[in-house]
Every structure is written in C-alpha cells, then in structure tokens.
PDB file of N, CA and C in Angstrom:
ATOM      1  N   MET A   1     -10.696  -0.069 -12.264  1.00  0.00           N
ATOM      2  CA  MET A   1     -12.057   0.381 -12.681  1.00  0.00           C
ATOM      3  C   MET A   1     -12.419   2.436 -12.488  1.00  0.00           C
ATOM      4  N   GLY A   2     -11.527   2.849 -11.814  1.00  0.00           N
ATOM      5  CA  GLY A   2     -11.388   3.969 -11.859  1.00  0.00           C
ATOM      6  C   GLY A   2     -12.425   4.980 -10.822  1.00  0.00           C
ATOM      7  N   ALA A   3     -12.621   4.140  -9.640  1.00  0.00           N
ATOM      8  CA  ALA A   3     -13.858   4.418  -8.510  1.00  0.00           C
ATOM      9  C   ALA A   3     -12.999   5.440  -7.646  1.00  0.00           C
ATOM     10  N   ARG A   4     -13.813   6.178  -6.960  1.00  0.00           N
ATOM     11  CA  ARG A   4     -13.072   6.661  -5.905  1.00  0.00           C
ATOM     12  C   ARG A   4     -13.493   6.392  -4.264  1.00  0.00           C
ATOM     13  N   LEU A   5     -12.091   5.802  -3.635  1.00  0.00           N
ATOM     14  CA  LEU A   5     -12.571   5.374  -2.312  1.00  0.00           C
ATOM     15  C   LEU A   5     -13.091   6.570  -1.422  1.00  0.00           C
ATOM     16  N   ASN A   6     -13.833   5.977  -0.465  1.00  0.00           N
ATOM     17  CA  ASN A   6     -14.185   6.977   0.722  1.00  0.00           C
ATOM     18  C   ASN A   6     -12.913   7.568   1.228  1.00  0.00           C
ATOM     19  N   GLU A   7     -12.874   8.689   1.641  1.00  0.00           N
ATOM     20  CA  GLU A   7     -11.619   9.428   2.432  1.00  0.00           C
ATOM     21  C   GLU A   7     -11.858   8.733   4.017  1.00  0.00           C
ATOM     22  N   ASN A   8     -13.090   8.696   4.515  1.00  0.00           N
ATOM     23  CA  ASN A   8     -12.866   7.985   5.643  1.00  0.00           C
ATOM     24  C   ASN A   8     -12.604   6.385   5.774  1.00  0.00           C
ATOM     25  N   PHE A   9     -12.401   5.563   4.909  1.00  0.00           N
ATOM     26  CA  PHE A   9     -11.869   4.330   4.623  1.00  0.00           C
ATOM     27  C   PHE A   9     -10.377   4.236   4.251  1.00  0.00           C
ATOM     28  N   LEU A  10      -9.839   5.370   3.495  1.00  0.00           N
ATOM     29  CA  LEU A  10      -8.511   5.250   3.598  1.00  0.00           C
ATOM     30  C   LEU A  10      -7.943   5.770   4.885  1.00  0.00           C
ATOM     31  N   ARG A  11      -8.368   6.920   5.413  1.00  0.00           N
ATOM     32  CA  ARG A  11      -8.225   7.331   6.997  1.00  0.00           C
ATOM     33  C   ARG A  11      -7.697   6.237   7.912  1.00  0.00           C
ATOM     34  N   LEU A  12      -9.081   5.274   7.646  1.00  0.00           N
ATOM     35  CA  LEU A  12      -9.028   4.243   8.811  1.00  0.00           C
ATOM     36  C   LEU A  12      -7.858   3.454   8.377  1.00  0.00           C
ATOM     37  N   LEU A  13      -7.673   3.549   6.999  1.00  0.00           N
ATOM     38  CA  LEU A  13      -6.597   2.242   6.513  1.00  0.00           C
ATOM     39  C   LEU A  13      -5.320   2.997   7.241  1.00  0.00           C
ATOM     40  N   ALA A  14      -5.077   4.057   6.951  1.00  0.00           N
ATOM     41  CA  ALA A  14      -3.700   4.872   7.482  1.00  0.00           C
ATOM     42  C   ALA A  14      -3.242   4.337   9.052  1.00  0.00           C
ATOM     43  N   ALA A  15      -4.398   4.826   9.471  1.00  0.00           N
ATOM     44  CA  ALA A  15      -4.670   4.578  11.046  1.00  0.00           C
ATOM     45  C   ALA A  15      -4.070   2.905  11.629  1.00  0.00           C
ATOM     46  N   VAL A  16      -4.558   2.053  10.573  1.00  0.00           N
ATOM     47  CA  VAL A  16      -4.396   0.453  10.837  1.00  0.00           C
ATOM     48  C   VAL A  16      -2.953   0.248  10.508  1.00  0.00           C
ATOM     49  N   LEU A  17      -2.231   1.384   9.594  1.00  0.00           N
ATOM     50  CA  LEU A  17      -0.773   0.880   9.089  1.00  0.00           C
ATOM     51  C   LEU A  17      -0.036   1.353  10.329  1.00  0.00           C
ATOM     52  N   LEU A  18      -0.393   2.864  10.861  1.00  0.00           N
ATOM     53  CA  LEU A  18       0.126   2.699  12.093  1.00  0.00           C
ATOM     54  C   LEU A  18       0.291   1.985  12.940  1.00  0.00           C
ATOM     55  N   ASN A  19      -0.694   1.663  13.703  1.00  0.00           N
ATOM     56  CA  ASN A  19      -0.738   0.458  14.589  1.00  0.00           C
ATOM     57  C   ASN A  19      -0.150  -0.633  14.080  1.00  0.00           C
ATOM     58  N   TYR A  20       0.026  -0.902  12.948  1.00  0.00           N
ATOM     59  CA  TYR A  20       0.595  -2.319  12.441  1.00  0.00           C
ATOM     60  C   TYR A  20       1.965  -1.688  12.511  1.00  0.00           C
ATOM     61  N   GLU A  21       2.387  -0.787  12.538  1.00  0.00           N
ATOM     62  CA  GLU A  21       3.728  -0.650  12.422  1.00  0.00           C
ATOM     63  C   GLU A  21       4.308  -0.401  14.163  1.00  0.00           C
ATOM     64  N   LEU A  22       3.257  -0.012  14.616  1.00  0.00           N
ATOM     65  CA  LEU A  22       3.753  -0.490  16.473  1.00  0.00           C
ATOM     66  C   LEU A  22       4.003  -1.998  16.610  1.00  0.00           C
ATOM     67  N   GLU A  23       3.002  -2.660  15.928  1.00  0.00           N
ATOM     68  CA  GLU A  23       3.485  -4.139  16.290  1.00  0.00           C
ATOM     69  C   GLU A  23       5.078  -4.645  15.687  1.00  0.00           C
ATOM     70  N   PHE A  24       4.886  -4.334  13.878  1.00  0.00           N
ATOM     71  CA  PHE A  24       5.871  -4.945  13.476  1.00  0.00           C
ATOM     72  C   PHE A  24       6.884  -4.439  12.918  1.00  0.00           C
ATOM     73  N   GLY A  25       6.804  -3.205  13.008  1.00  0.00           N
ATOM     74  CA  GLY A  25       7.889  -1.961  12.733  1.00  0.00           C
ATOM     75  C   GLY A  25       7.742  -1.619  11.422  1.00  0.00           C
ATOM     76  N   TYR A  26       8.605  -0.333  10.749  1.00  0.00           N
ATOM     77  CA  TYR A  26       8.452   0.077   9.763  1.00  0.00           C
ATOM     78  C   TYR A  26       8.788  -0.364   8.390  1.00  0.00           C
ATOM     79  N   GLU A  27      10.152  -1.449   8.423  1.00  0.00           N
ATOM     80  CA  GLU A  27       9.940  -1.953   7.271  1.00  0.00           C
ATOM     81  C   GLU A  27       8.796  -2.995   6.793  1.00  0.00           C
ATOM     82  N   ASP A  28       8.306  -3.561   8.160  1.00  0.00           N
ATOM     83  CA  ASP A  28       6.835  -4.660   7.886  1.00  0.00           C
ATOM     84  C   ASP A  28       5.790  -3.597   7.096  1.00  0.00           C
ATOM     85  N   THR A  29       5.586  -2.981   7.751  1.00  0.00           N
ATOM     86  CA  THR A  29       4.650  -1.966   7.305  1.00  0.00           C
ATOM     87  C   THR A  29       4.694  -1.251   6.223  1.00  0.00           C
ATOM     88  N   GLN A  30       6.252  -0.960   5.467  1.00  0.00           N
ATOM     89  CA  GLN A  30       6.164  -0.190   4.232  1.00  0.00           C
ATOM     90  C   GLN A  30       5.672  -1.614   3.172  1.00  0.00           C
ATOM     91  N   ALA A  31       6.229  -3.047   3.746  1.00  0.00           N
ATOM     92  CA  ALA A  31       5.963  -4.308   2.925  1.00  0.00           C
ATOM     93  C   ALA A  31       4.337  -4.128   2.814  1.00  0.00           C
ATOM     94  N   ALA A  32       3.720  -4.153   3.908  1.00  0.00           N
ATOM     95  CA  ALA A  32       1.947  -4.071   4.025  1.00  0.00           C
ATOM     96  C   ALA A  32       1.738  -3.038   3.049  1.00  0.00           C
ATOM     97  N   LEU A  33       1.967  -1.799   3.313  1.00  0.00           N
ATOM     98  CA  LEU A  33       1.958  -0.839   2.237  1.00  0.00           C
ATOM     99  C   LEU A  33       1.870  -0.885   1.056  1.00  0.00           C
ATOM    100  N   LEU A  34       2.858  -1.632   0.521  1.00  0.00           N
ATOM    101  CA  LEU A  34       3.126  -2.197  -0.793  1.00  0.00           C
ATOM    102  C   LEU A  34       1.779  -3.278  -1.186  1.00  0.00           C
ATOM    103  N   ARG A  35       1.763  -3.987  -0.633  1.00  0.00           N
ATOM    104  CA  ARG A  35       0.970  -4.759  -0.962  1.00  0.00           C
ATOM    105  C   ARG A  35      -0.666  -4.213  -1.062  1.00  0.00           C
ATOM    106  N   LEU A  36      -0.995  -3.745   0.064  1.00  0.00           N
ATOM    107  CA  LEU A  36      -2.119  -3.102   0.126  1.00  0.00           C
ATOM    108  C   LEU A  36      -2.552  -1.736  -0.606  1.00  0.00           C
ATOM    109  N   SER A  37      -1.264  -1.163  -1.585  1.00  0.00           N
ATOM    110  CA  SER A  37      -1.553  -0.506  -2.884  1.00  0.00           C
ATOM    111  C   SER A  37      -2.288  -1.313  -3.986  1.00  0.00           C
ATOM    112  N   ARG A  38      -1.293  -2.058  -3.962  1.00  0.00           N
ATOM    113  CA  ARG A  38      -1.458  -2.844  -5.080  1.00  0.00           C
ATOM    114  C   ARG A  38      -2.711  -3.423  -5.378  1.00  0.00           C
ATOM    115  N   SER A  39      -3.957  -3.897  -4.390  1.00  0.00           N
ATOM    116  CA  SER A  39      -5.182  -4.598  -4.210  1.00  0.00           C
ATOM    117  C   SER A  39      -5.964  -3.217  -4.251  1.00  0.00           C
ATOM    118  N   LEU A  40      -5.464  -2.181  -4.079  1.00  0.00           N
ATOM    119  CA  LEU A  40      -6.518  -0.696  -4.158  1.00  0.00           C
ATOM    120  C   LEU A  40      -6.466  -0.372  -5.193  1.00  0.00           C
ATOM    121  N   ILE A  41      -5.357   0.049  -5.924  1.00  0.00           N
ATOM    122  CA  ILE A  41      -5.672  -0.365  -7.482  1.00  0.00           C
ATOM    123  C   ILE A  41      -6.687  -0.837  -8.600  1.00  0.00           C
ATOM    124  N   ILE A  42      -6.994  -1.802  -8.131  1.00  0.00           N
ATOM    125  CA  ILE A  42      -8.102  -2.752  -8.303  1.00  0.00           C
ATOM    126  C   ILE A  42      -9.458  -2.430  -8.012  1.00  0.00           C
ATOM    127  N   VAL A  43      -9.794  -1.536  -6.986  1.00  0.00           N
ATOM    128  CA  VAL A  43     -11.041  -0.916  -7.026  1.00  0.00           C
ATOM    129  C   VAL A  43     -10.926   0.693  -6.752  1.00  0.00           C
ATOM    130  N   GLY A  44      -9.800   0.922  -6.926  1.00  0.00           N
ATOM    131  CA  GLY A  44      -9.640   2.649  -6.783  1.00  0.00           C
ATOM    132  C   GLY A  44      -8.736   3.489  -7.934  1.00  0.00           C
ATOM    133  N   ASP A  45      -8.130   4.151  -7.349  1.00  0.00           N
ATOM    134  CA  ASP A  45      -7.099   4.705  -8.503  1.00  0.00           C
ATOM    135  C   ASP A  45      -6.045   5.439  -8.116  1.00  0.00           C
ATOM    136  N   ASN A  46      -5.099   5.493  -8.636  1.00  0.00           N
ATOM    137  CA  ASN A  46      -3.506   6.368  -8.248  1.00  0.00           C
ATOM    138  C   ASN A  46      -3.833   7.292  -7.174  1.00  0.00           C
ATOM    139  N   GLY A  47      -4.728   8.297  -7.580  1.00  0.00           N
ATOM    140  CA  GLY A  47      -5.226   9.386  -6.292  1.00  0.00           C
ATOM    141  C   GLY A  47      -5.730   9.083  -4.968  1.00  0.00           C
ATOM    142  N   ASN A  48      -6.148   7.845  -5.179  1.00  0.00           N
ATOM    143  CA  ASN A  48      -6.746   7.012  -3.740  1.00  0.00           C
ATOM    144  C   ASN A  48      -5.169   6.837  -2.585  1.00  0.00           C
ATOM    145  N   ILE A  49      -4.289   5.677  -3.539  1.00  0.00           N
ATOM    146  CA  ILE A  49      -2.929   5.488  -3.138  1.00  0.00           C
ATOM    147  C   ILE A  49      -2.122   6.439  -2.630  1.00  0.00           C
ATOM    148  N   ARG A  50      -1.981   7.514  -3.219  1.00  0.00           N
ATOM    149  CA  ARG A  50      -1.154   8.658  -2.910  1.00  0.00           C
ATOM    150  C   ARG A  50      -1.971   9.232  -1.928  1.00  0.00           C
ATOM    151  N   TRP A  51      -3.097   9.467  -1.591  1.00  0.00           N
ATOM    152  CA  TRP A  51      -4.061  10.528  -0.588  1.00  0.00           C
ATOM    153  C   TRP A  51      -3.768   9.169   0.896  1.00  0.00           C
ATOM    154  N   MET A  52      -4.060   8.320   0.515  1.00  0.00           N
ATOM    155  CA  MET A  52      -3.366   7.490   2.081  1.00  0.00           C
ATOM    156  C   MET A  52      -2.411   7.449   2.460  1.00  0.00           C
ATOM    157  N   LYS A  53      -1.216   7.136   1.174  1.00  0.00           N
ATOM    158  CA  LYS A  53       0.101   7.361   1.621  1.00  0.00           C
ATOM    159  C   LYS A  53       0.581   8.610   2.295  1.00  0.00           C
ATOM    160  N   ALA A  54       0.080   9.717   2.278  1.00  0.00           N
ATOM    161  CA  ALA A  54       0.189  11.240   2.665  1.00  0.00           C
ATOM    162  C   ALA A  54      -0.687  11.179   3.416  1.00  0.00           C
ATOM    163  N   CYS A  55      -1.548  10.776   3.936  1.00  0.00           N
ATOM    164  CA  CYS A  55      -1.988  10.468   5.321  1.00  0.00           C
ATOM    165  C   CYS A  55      -1.262   9.931   6.379  1.00  0.00           C
ATOM    166  N   TYR A  56      -0.605   8.740   5.860  1.00  0.00           N
ATOM    167  CA  TYR A  56       0.038   7.861   6.733  1.00  0.00           C
ATOM    168  C   TYR A  56       0.940   8.394   7.288  1.00  0.00           C
ATOM    169  N   LEU A  57       2.007   8.948   6.109  1.00  0.00           N
ATOM    170  CA  LEU A  57       3.634   9.500   6.410  1.00  0.00           C
ATOM    171  C   LEU A  57       3.063  10.764   7.027  1.00  0.00           C
ATOM    172  N   ILE A  58       2.284  11.585   7.136  1.00  0.00           N
ATOM    173  CA  ILE A  58       1.489  12.649   7.999  1.00  0.00           C
ATOM    174  C   ILE A  58       1.208  12.739   9.291  1.00  0.00           C
ATOM    175  N   ASN A  59       0.760  11.501   9.416  1.00  0.00           N
ATOM    176  CA  ASN A  59       0.278  10.561  11.004  1.00  0.00           C
ATOM    177  C   ASN A  59       1.419   9.940  11.740  1.00  0.00           C
ATOM    178  N   LEU A  60       2.259   9.714  10.853  1.00  0.00           N
ATOM    179  CA  LEU A  60       3.733   9.069  10.944  1.00  0.00           C
ATOM    180  C   LEU A  60       4.570  10.098  11.589  1.00  0.00           C
ATOM    181  N   SER A  61       4.460  11.340  11.215  1.00  0.00           N
ATOM    182  CA  SER A  61       5.611  12.706  11.045  1.00  0.00           C
ATOM    183  C   SER A  61       4.821  12.949  12.765  1.00  0.00           C
ATOM    184  N   PHE A  62       3.755  13.402  12.896  1.00  0.00           N
ATOM    185  CA  PHE A  62       3.346  13.521  14.033  1.00  0.00           C
ATOM    186  C   PHE A  62       3.728  12.867  15.274  1.00  0.00           C
ATOM    187  N   ASN A  63       3.402  11.530  15.206  1.00  0.00           N
ATOM    188  CA  ASN A  63       3.943  10.608  15.942  1.00  0.00           C
ATOM    189  C   ASN A  63       5.544  10.718  16.661  1.00  0.00           C
ATOM    190  N   ASP A  64       6.190  10.703  15.058  1.00  0.00           N
ATOM    191  CA  ASP A  64       7.808  10.749  15.468  1.00  0.00           C
ATOM    192  C   ASP A  64       8.382  12.142  15.989  1.00  0.00           C
ATOM    193  N   TYR A  65       7.515  13.254  15.889  1.00  0.00           N
ATOM    194  CA  TYR A  65       7.489  14.434  16.747  1.00  0.00           C
ATOM    195  C   TYR A  65       7.403  14.419  18.172  1.00  0.00           C
ATOM    196  N   TYR A  66       6.355  14.046  18.610  1.00  0.00           N
ATOM    197  CA  TYR A  66       5.962  14.079  19.615  1.00  0.00           C
ATOM    198  C   TYR A  66       6.588  12.682  20.526  1.00  0.00           C
ATOM    199  N   SER A  67       7.227  11.765  20.023  1.00  0.00           N
ATOM    200  CA  SER A  67       8.020  10.900  20.455  1.00  0.00           C
ATOM    201  C   SER A  67       9.516  11.493  20.570  1.00  0.00           C
ATOM    202  N   GLY A  68       9.993  12.637  20.199  1.00  0.00           N
ATOM    203  CA  GLY A  68      10.981  13.106  20.207  1.00  0.00           C
ATOM    204  C   GLY A  68      12.364  12.530  19.127  1.00  0.00           C
ATOM    205  N   LYS A  69      11.783  11.878  17.918  1.00  0.00           N
ATOM    206  CA  LYS A  69      12.409  11.172  16.710  1.00  0.00           C
ATOM    207  C   LYS A  69      12.388  12.610  15.745  1.00  0.00           C
ATOM    208  N   PHE A  70      12.845  14.011  16.244  1.00  0.00           N
ATOM    209  CA  PHE A  70      12.793  15.070  15.347  1.00  0.00           C
ATOM    210  C   PHE A  70      13.719  15.089  13.905  1.00  0.00           C
ATOM    211  N   SER A  71      14.415  13.973  13.721  1.00  0.00           N
ATOM    212  CA  SER A  71      15.202  13.520  12.677  1.00  0.00           C
ATOM    213  C   SER A  71      14.509  13.141  11.903  1.00  0.00           C
ATOM    214  N   GLU A  72      13.489  11.997  12.199  1.00  0.00           N
ATOM    215  CA  GLU A  72      12.894  11.309  10.697  1.00  0.00           C
ATOM    216  C   GLU A  72      11.998  12.510  10.606  1.00  0.00           C
ATOM    217  N   VAL A  73      10.967  13.567  10.934  1.00  0.00           N
ATOM    218  CA  VAL A  73      10.069  14.459  10.372  1.00  0.00           C
ATOM    219  C   VAL A  73      10.390  14.755   9.196  1.00  0.00           C
ATOM    220  N   PRO A  74      11.285  15.931   9.171  1.00  0.00           N
ATOM    221  CA  PRO A  74      11.264  16.301   7.201  1.00  0.00           C
ATOM    222  C   PRO A  74      11.169  15.376   6.591  1.00  0.00           C
ATOM    223  N   THR A  75      11.921  14.011   6.542  1.00  0.00           N
ATOM    224  CA  THR A  75      11.675  13.202   5.473  1.00  0.00           C
ATOM    225  C   THR A  75      10.532  12.762   5.227  1.00  0.00           C
ATOM    226  N   ARG A  76       9.791  12.665   6.477  1.00  0.00           N
ATOM    227  CA  ARG A  76       8.412  11.996   6.162  1.00  0.00           C
ATOM    228  C   ARG A  76       7.648  13.030   5.740  1.00  0.00           C
ATOM    229  N   VAL A  77       7.749  14.298   6.646  1.00  0.00           N
ATOM    230  CA  VAL A  77       6.752  15.169   5.952  1.00  0.00           C
ATOM    231  C   VAL A  77       7.260  15.609   4.251  1.00  0.00           C
ATOM    232  N   LEU A  78       8.319  15.249   3.637  1.00  0.00           N
ATOM    233  CA  LEU A  78       8.785  15.369   2.289  1.00  0.00           C
ATOM    234  C   LEU A  78       8.229  14.472   1.484  1.00  0.00           C
ATOM    235  N   GLN A  79       8.151  13.345   1.824  1.00  0.00           N
ATOM    236  CA  GLN A  79       7.471  12.159   1.386  1.00  0.00           C
ATOM    237  C   GLN A  79       5.811  12.455   1.265  1.00  0.00           C
ATOM    238  N   ALA A  80       5.539  13.075   2.587  1.00  0.00           N
ATOM    239  CA  ALA A  80       3.871  13.359   2.085  1.00  0.00           C
ATOM    240  C   ALA A  80       3.692  14.170   1.092  1.00  0.00           C
ATOM    241  N   LEU A  81       4.339  15.453   1.275  1.00  0.00           N
ATOM    242  CA  LEU A  81       4.224  16.365   0.295  1.00  0.00           C
ATOM    243  C   LEU A  81       4.603  15.968  -1.486  1.00  0.00           C
ATOM    244  N   PHE A  82       5.254  14.706  -1.437  1.00  0.00           N
ATOM    245  CA  PHE A  82       5.347  14.364  -2.631  1.00  0.00           C
ATOM    246  C   PHE A  82       3.710  13.670  -3.181  1.00  0.00           C
ATOM    247  N   TYR A  83       3.256  12.671  -2.414  1.00  0.00           N
ATOM    248  CA  TYR A  83       1.942  12.351  -2.470  1.00  0.00           C
ATOM    249  C   TYR A  83       0.632  13.214  -2.483  1.00  0.00           C
ATOM    250  N   ASN A  84       0.937  13.970  -1.432  1.00  0.00           N
ATOM    251  CA  ASN A  84      -0.130  15.069  -1.531  1.00  0.00           C
ATOM    252  C   ASN A  84       0.221  16.636  -1.360  1.00  0.00           C
ATOM    253  N   PRO A  85       0.523  17.323  -2.019  1.00  0.00           N
ATOM    254  CA  PRO A  85       0.806  18.660  -1.939  1.00  0.00           C
ATOM    255  C   PRO A  85       0.270  19.444  -1.421  1.00  0.00           C
ATOM    256  N   LYS A  86      -1.104  19.202  -1.034  1.00  0.00           N
ATOM    257  CA  LYS A  86      -1.830  20.099   0.012  1.00  0.00           C
ATOM    258  C   LYS A  86      -1.684  20.527   1.290  1.00  0.00           C
ATOM    259  N   TYR A  87      -0.849  19.308   1.487  1.00  0.00           N
ATOM    260  CA  TYR A  87      -0.422  19.270   3.258  1.00  0.00           C
ATOM    261  C   TYR A  87       0.443  20.669   3.380  1.00  0.00           C
ATOM    262  N   ILE A  88       1.199  21.191   2.278  1.00  0.00           N
ATOM    263  CA  ILE A  88       1.824  22.707   2.498  1.00  0.00           C
ATOM    264  C   ILE A  88       1.209  23.604   3.466  1.00  0.00           C
ATOM    265  N   THR A  89      -0.378  23.276   3.145  1.00  0.00           N
ATOM    266  CA  THR A  89      -1.124  24.236   3.457  1.00  0.00           C
ATOM    267  C   THR A  89      -1.466  24.019   5.103  1.00  0.00           C
ATOM    268  N   ASN A  90      -1.073  23.019   5.872  1.00  0.00           N
ATOM    269  CA  ASN A  90      -1.831  22.649   6.797  1.00  0.00           C
ATOM    270  C   ASN A  90      -0.573  23.434   8.005  1.00  0.00           C
ATOM    271  N   ARG A  91      -0.999  24.248   8.944  1.00  0.00           N
ATOM    272  CA  ARG A  91      -0.218  24.963   9.801  1.00  0.00           C
ATOM    273  C   ARG A  91       0.640  24.053  10.426  1.00  0.00           C
ATOM    274  N   GLY A  92      -0.333  23.006  11.069  1.00  0.00           N
ATOM    275  CA  GLY A  92       0.440  21.892  11.709  1.00  0.00           C
ATOM    276  C   GLY A  92       1.308  21.442  11.526  1.00  0.00           C
ATOM    277  N   VAL A  93       1.324  20.808  10.243  1.00  0.00           N
ATOM    278  CA  VAL A  93       2.560  20.259   9.351  1.00  0.00           C
ATOM    279  C   VAL A  93       3.490  21.192   9.270  1.00  0.00           C
ATOM    280  N   LEU A  94       3.259  22.442   9.144  1.00  0.00           N
ATOM    281  CA  LEU A  94       4.586  22.897   8.520  1.00  0.00           C
ATOM    282  C   LEU A  94       5.429  23.641  10.154  1.00  0.00           C
ATOM    283  N   ALA A  95       4.518  23.196  11.207  1.00  0.00           N
ATOM    284  CA  ALA A  95       5.099  23.990  12.722  1.00  0.00           C
ATOM    285  C   ALA A  95       6.230  22.961  12.995  1.00  0.00           C
ATOM    286  N   ILE A  96       5.568  21.241  12.338  1.00  0.00           N
ATOM    287  CA  ILE A  96       6.490  20.357  13.192  1.00  0.00           C
ATOM    288  C   ILE A  96       7.300  20.249  12.330  1.00  0.00           C
ATOM    289  N   LEU A  97       7.534  20.455  10.626  1.00  0.00           N
ATOM    290  CA  LEU A  97       8.403  20.459   9.631  1.00  0.00           C
ATOM    291  C   LEU A  97       9.598  21.653  10.366  1.00  0.00           C
ATOM    292  N   ILE A  98       9.266  22.847  11.012  1.00  0.00           N
ATOM    293  CA  ILE A  98      10.114  23.977  10.984  1.00  0.00           C
ATOM    294  C   ILE A  98      10.837  23.671  12.539  1.00  0.00           C
ATOM    295  N   ARG A  99       9.745  22.963  13.425  1.00  0.00           N
ATOM    296  CA  ARG A  99      10.460  22.948  14.883  1.00  0.00           C
ATOM    297  C   ARG A  99      11.262  21.321  14.864  1.00  0.00           C
ATOM    298  N   SER A 100      11.105  20.674  14.023  1.00  0.00           N
ATOM    299  CA  SER A 100      12.105  19.562  13.818  1.00  0.00           C
ATOM    300  C   SER A 100      13.239  19.940  13.479  1.00  0.00           C
ATOM    301  N   ILE A 101      13.530  20.806  12.134  1.00  0.00           N
ATOM    302  CA  ILE A 101      14.444  21.163  11.790  1.00  0.00           C
ATOM    303  C   ILE A 101      15.268  22.074  12.790  1.00  0.00           C
ATOM    304  N   GLY A 102      14.490  23.333  13.092  1.00  0.00           N
ATOM    305  CA  GLY A 102      15.289  23.733  14.173  1.00  0.00           C
ATOM    306  C   GLY A 102      16.074  23.263  15.807  1.00  0.00           C
ATOM    307  N   LYS A 103      15.337  22.128  15.648  1.00  0.00           N
ATOM    308  CA  LYS A 103      15.559  21.065  17.080  1.00  0.00           C
ATOM    309  C   LYS A 103      17.203  20.412  16.451  1.00  0.00           C
ATOM    310  N   LEU A 104      17.445  20.256  15.283  1.00  0.00           N
ATOM    311  CA  LEU A 104      18.029  19.084  14.615  1.00  0.00           C
ATOM    312  C   LEU A 104      19.343  20.212  14.505  1.00  0.00           C
ATOM    313  N   VAL A 105      19.264  21.574  14.135  1.00  0.00           N
ATOM    314  CA  VAL A 105      20.068  22.471  13.761  1.00  0.00           C
ATOM    315  C   VAL A 105      20.636  23.100  14.846  1.00  0.00           C
ATOM    316  N   LEU A 106      20.052  23.111  15.997  1.00  0.00           N
ATOM    317  CA  LEU A 106      20.767  23.697  17.463  1.00  0.00           C
ATOM    318  C   LEU A 106      20.990  22.589  18.159  1.00  0.00           C
ATOM    319  N   LYS A 107      20.954  21.334  17.848  1.00  0.00           N
ATOM    320  CA  LYS A 107      21.930  20.253  18.764  1.00  0.00           C
ATOM    321  C   LYS A 107      22.940  20.493  18.786  1.00  0.00           C
TER     322      LYS A 107
END
C-alpha cells in the first residue's frame, strides 16, 4: 500500500519487543520480529520496518549497556545504524558505543 505508519505506533512495537525479549529470550524475539516485519509490509513500507528495527536495536543497546553487557553493544548499535543511519548523530548512542568499546579494550 505504501502508507506510512505512525512513529509512535512503531516505537510502541519496539517497546513490546523489548518486553517480549525479557520474557522469551533473544532468539524468540528475533523470530517474532521477522513475523511482525512480514505483516507490517502489508500496511506500511520497508522504511517503517527499518525504523522500527533500528529503534528496537538502539533500545536493546542501552539495556545491554546499563546491564553491563558491553560486548553486545557495538554489534547492536552497528546493526541499528544499518537500518537507520540517523542514529550516528545521537550523542547518547555514540557515548555507549565508545564507552562499551573502551571497557572491552581495557578488560
């Protein structure tokens, strides 16, 4: 259809995915994300899906950073940047990326 989904709705979906991951784990969440993406393409476009995936991954990166899972942060941030390069201008994203790498190097 080519419609644009509301960013608030996509942000809500990303938050639901984060909660789903807490309950069911990363692998099950990735499977749910794939199914959700296939459904969203019917009512939206690929840009909507990429935006939601990036939002989910950035929020997951912050969760990992504040949980002390520093090794997960760089990969997730880079994945999010693939889906939405605009995150490179976010100082918070850059801060957790650089600090995580620093903590890994100084280990």
